[in-house]
Amino acid sequence: MIIFSSGVGGESVARELSKKIRNCQHGDRRSSIVEAELLLGKAENLAEAAHRLIDRDVSFGRADAAYARAEELIECLSECTDEINHLFAEADGFELDAKSAAEAAQTLLGDEVVDLTSPASDDVVTRVEDTVQSARTEIRKIGQAAPRRTLKAHLDGLVARLVALRSRLTEGKQ
């Protein structure tokens, strides 16, 4: 663009000149390269951040699923514990009934020996053993240490009680 004088309407000539300089293909390419590099770096950072956020969402989803499963197992274990306690109470009741029946029979029979065990009591003890084993399996699945230790201590007490009960039944059979 050739300019000999500013003359009248110099503002329009200045605007036209500025526009031509901006659109010139021989202009400052260095600033475009720097700008492109900056934009590419920014896009790279944004892509990495998006990748990390997706990883976060997946991890949170997995954590939620693990927590839900742990809660299911704890609930199941609680039900097993209730069933074990119920079975022990039932076994204790059978034992009291057997002793009462044996005492009544012994009174009627005099000095004759009366067997204090019965197949029904044996069956209950076997059911207790099976339930204790199922509870042990469920306890092993629990990932949280605190509930697992508490339930394991409860299980150990039940196992000791079961051993004592089995020993008493065995003594009655001899």
Protein backbone atom coordinates (compact mmCIF):
# COMPACT_ATOMS: atom_id res chain seq x y z
CA MET A 1 0.00 0.00 0.00
CA ILE A 2 1.52 3.28 -1.05
CA ILE A 3 0.96 6.38 1.05
CA PHE A 4 2.17 9.81 -0.17
CA SER A 5 0.36 11.93 2.34
CA SER A 6 -2.19 11.55 5.08
CA GLY A 7 -4.60 14.02 3.53
CA VAL A 8 -8.24 14.12 4.54
CA GLY A 9 -9.68 10.95 6.03
CA GLY A 10 -6.36 9.77 7.45
CA GLU A 11 -8.16 7.59 9.96
CA SER A 12 -9.62 5.38 7.26
CA VAL A 13 -6.19 5.03 5.64
CA ALA A 14 -4.70 4.06 9.05
CA ARG A 15 -7.44 1.45 9.56
CA GLU A 16 -6.89 0.05 6.10
CA LEU A 17 -3.12 -0.07 6.66
CA SER A 18 -3.55 -1.86 10.02
CA LYS A 19 -5.86 -4.42 8.40
CA LYS A 20 -3.37 -5.09 5.59
CA ILE A 21 -0.54 -5.59 8.09
CA ARG A 22 -2.63 -8.08 10.12
CA ASN A 23 -3.54 -10.06 7.01
CA CYS A 24 -0.07 -10.00 5.44
CA GLN A 25 1.25 -13.49 4.79
CA HIS A 26 4.81 -12.31 5.39
CA GLY A 27 4.00 -11.04 8.91
CA ASP A 28 5.48 -12.18 12.22
CA ARG A 29 5.17 -15.96 12.07
CA ARG A 30 7.13 -16.35 15.27
CA SER A 31 4.20 -15.11 17.38
CA SER A 32 1.87 -17.61 15.67
CA ILE A 33 4.26 -20.47 16.43
CA VAL A 34 4.56 -19.43 20.05
CA GLU A 35 0.78 -19.07 20.33
CA ALA A 36 0.24 -22.47 18.71
CA GLU A 37 2.76 -24.08 21.08
CA LEU A 38 1.05 -22.47 24.07
CA LEU A 39 -2.36 -23.67 22.89
CA LEU A 40 -1.04 -27.18 22.26
CA GLY A 41 0.52 -27.26 25.75
CA LYS A 42 -2.74 -26.07 27.25
CA ALA A 43 -4.68 -28.71 25.27
CA GLU A 44 -2.21 -31.37 26.47
CA ASN A 45 -2.73 -30.31 30.11
CA LEU A 46 -6.50 -30.31 29.65
CA ALA A 47 -6.41 -33.78 28.08
CA GLU A 48 -4.28 -35.10 30.96
CA ALA A 49 -6.63 -33.51 33.51
CA ALA A 50 -9.63 -35.10 31.75
CA HIS A 51 -7.85 -38.47 31.82
CA ARG A 52 -7.19 -38.11 35.56
CA LEU A 53 -10.81 -37.11 36.22
CA ILE A 54 -12.07 -40.15 34.33
CA ASP A 55 -9.70 -42.32 36.43
CA ARG A 56 -11.08 -40.65 39.55
CA ASP A 57 -14.67 -41.37 38.53
CA VAL A 58 -13.86 -45.01 37.77
CA SER A 59 -12.07 -45.37 41.11
CA PHE A 60 -14.95 -43.78 43.00
CA GLY A 61 -17.34 -46.16 41.22
CA ARG A 62 -15.24 -49.14 42.19
CA ALA A 63 -14.97 -47.88 45.77
CA ASP A 64 -18.75 -47.47 45.97
CA ALA A 65 -19.24 -51.02 44.68
CA ALA A 66 -16.69 -52.39 47.17
CA TYR A 67 -18.35 -50.53 50.06
CA ALA A 68 -21.78 -51.81 49.02
CA ARG A 69 -20.50 -55.41 48.85
CA ALA A 70 -18.78 -55.06 52.23
CA GLU A 71 -22.03 -53.79 53.74
CA GLU A 72 -23.89 -56.76 52.22
CA LEU A 73 -21.34 -59.15 53.72
CA ILE A 74 -21.53 -57.48 57.12
CA GLU A 75 -25.32 -57.73 57.01
CA CYS A 76 -25.08 -61.39 55.98
CA LEU A 77 -22.57 -62.04 58.74
CA SER A 78 -24.87 -60.35 61.23
CA GLU A 79 -27.67 -62.66 60.13
CA CYS A 80 -25.32 -65.66 60.49
CA THR A 81 -24.36 -64.51 63.98
CA ASP A 82 -28.02 -64.23 64.90
CA GLU A 83 -28.63 -67.71 63.52
CA ILE A 84 -25.61 -69.08 65.43
CA ASN A 85 -26.88 -67.53 68.65
CA HIS A 86 -30.35 -68.89 67.93
CA LEU A 87 -28.90 -72.36 67.31
CA PHE A 88 -26.89 -72.24 70.54
CA ALA A 89 -29.99 -71.22 72.46
CA GLU A 90 -31.89 -74.04 70.74
CA ALA A 91 -29.09 -76.50 71.57
CA ASP A 92 -29.10 -75.35 75.21
CA GLY A 93 -32.87 -75.87 75.31
CA PHE A 94 -32.53 -79.38 73.88
CA GLU A 95 -29.85 -80.15 76.42
CA LEU A 96 -32.07 -78.99 79.30
CA ASP A 97 -34.95 -81.04 77.93
CA ALA A 98 -32.67 -84.08 77.62
CA LYS A 99 -31.44 -83.66 81.20
CA SER A 100 -34.98 -83.27 82.50
CA ALA A 101 -36.11 -86.33 80.56
CA ALA A 102 -33.06 -88.27 81.76
CA GLU A 103 -33.69 -87.27 85.37
CA ALA A 104 -37.35 -88.27 85.04
CA ALA A 105 -36.37 -91.57 83.42
CA GLN A 106 -33.70 -92.18 86.05
CA THR A 107 -36.25 -91.60 88.79
CA LEU A 108 -38.55 -94.12 87.14
CA LEU A 109 -35.77 -96.60 86.37
CA GLY A 110 -33.83 -96.34 89.61
CA ASP A 111 -30.12 -97.21 89.29
CA GLU A 112 -30.13 -97.93 85.53
CA VAL A 113 -27.84 -95.76 83.33
CA VAL A 114 -29.64 -93.32 81.05
CA ASP A 115 -28.09 -92.02 77.77
CA LEU A 116 -28.26 -88.20 77.99
CA THR A 117 -27.66 -87.67 74.24
CA SER A 118 -30.13 -87.92 71.42
CA PRO A 119 -29.90 -87.86 67.61
CA ALA A 120 -31.84 -84.57 67.60
CA SER A 121 -29.21 -82.87 69.84
CA ASP A 122 -26.43 -84.30 67.68
CA ASP A 123 -28.13 -82.86 64.59
CA VAL A 124 -28.36 -79.41 66.19
CA VAL A 125 -24.67 -79.43 67.09
CA THR A 126 -23.83 -80.43 63.51
CA ARG A 127 -25.94 -77.53 62.24
CA VAL A 128 -24.09 -75.20 64.63
CA GLU A 129 -20.74 -76.48 63.30
CA ASP A 130 -21.89 -75.91 59.69
CA THR A 131 -23.12 -72.41 60.50
CA VAL A 132 -19.87 -71.57 62.33
CA GLN A 133 -17.91 -72.73 59.27
CA SER A 134 -20.10 -70.57 56.99
CA ALA A 135 -19.56 -67.59 59.31
CA ARG A 136 -15.79 -68.22 59.23
CA THR A 137 -15.87 -68.15 55.42
CA GLU A 138 -17.82 -64.88 55.40
CA ILE A 139 -15.46 -63.27 57.93
CA ARG A 140 -12.50 -64.02 55.66
CA LYS A 141 -14.19 -61.99 52.90
CA ILE A 142 -14.44 -58.81 54.97
CA GLY A 143 -11.78 -56.27 53.97
CA GLN A 144 -12.10 -53.91 56.92
CA ALA A 145 -9.90 -54.95 59.82
CA ALA A 146 -11.96 -53.61 62.76
CA PRO A 147 -15.24 -55.42 62.02
CA ARG A 148 -13.32 -58.52 60.99
CA ARG A 149 -11.45 -58.66 64.33
CA THR A 150 -14.65 -58.16 66.36
CA LEU A 151 -16.50 -60.85 64.44
CA LYS A 152 -13.48 -63.19 64.59
CA ALA A 153 -13.36 -62.83 68.41
CA HIS A 154 -17.08 -63.64 68.55
CA LEU A 155 -16.50 -66.62 66.27
CA ASP A 156 -13.63 -67.89 68.46
CA GLY A 157 -15.92 -67.76 71.50
CA LEU A 158 -18.58 -69.71 69.62
CA VAL A 159 -16.02 -72.32 68.52
CA ALA A 160 -14.87 -72.79 72.13
CA ARG A 161 -18.48 -73.14 73.22
CA LEU A 162 -19.11 -75.65 70.43
CA VAL A 163 -16.08 -77.73 71.47
CA ALA A 164 -17.35 -77.80 75.06
CA LEU A 165 -20.83 -78.80 73.86
CA ARG A 166 -19.44 -81.55 71.61
CA SER A 167 -17.28 -82.80 74.49
CA ARG A 168 -20.30 -82.97 76.77
CA LEU A 169 -22.27 -84.92 74.15
CA THR A 170 -19.34 -87.31 73.64
CA GLU A 171 -19.04 -87.87 77.39
CA GLY A 172 -22.75 -88.69 77.51
CA LYS A 173 -22.32 -91.37 74.81
CA GLN A 174 -19.50 -93.19 76.64
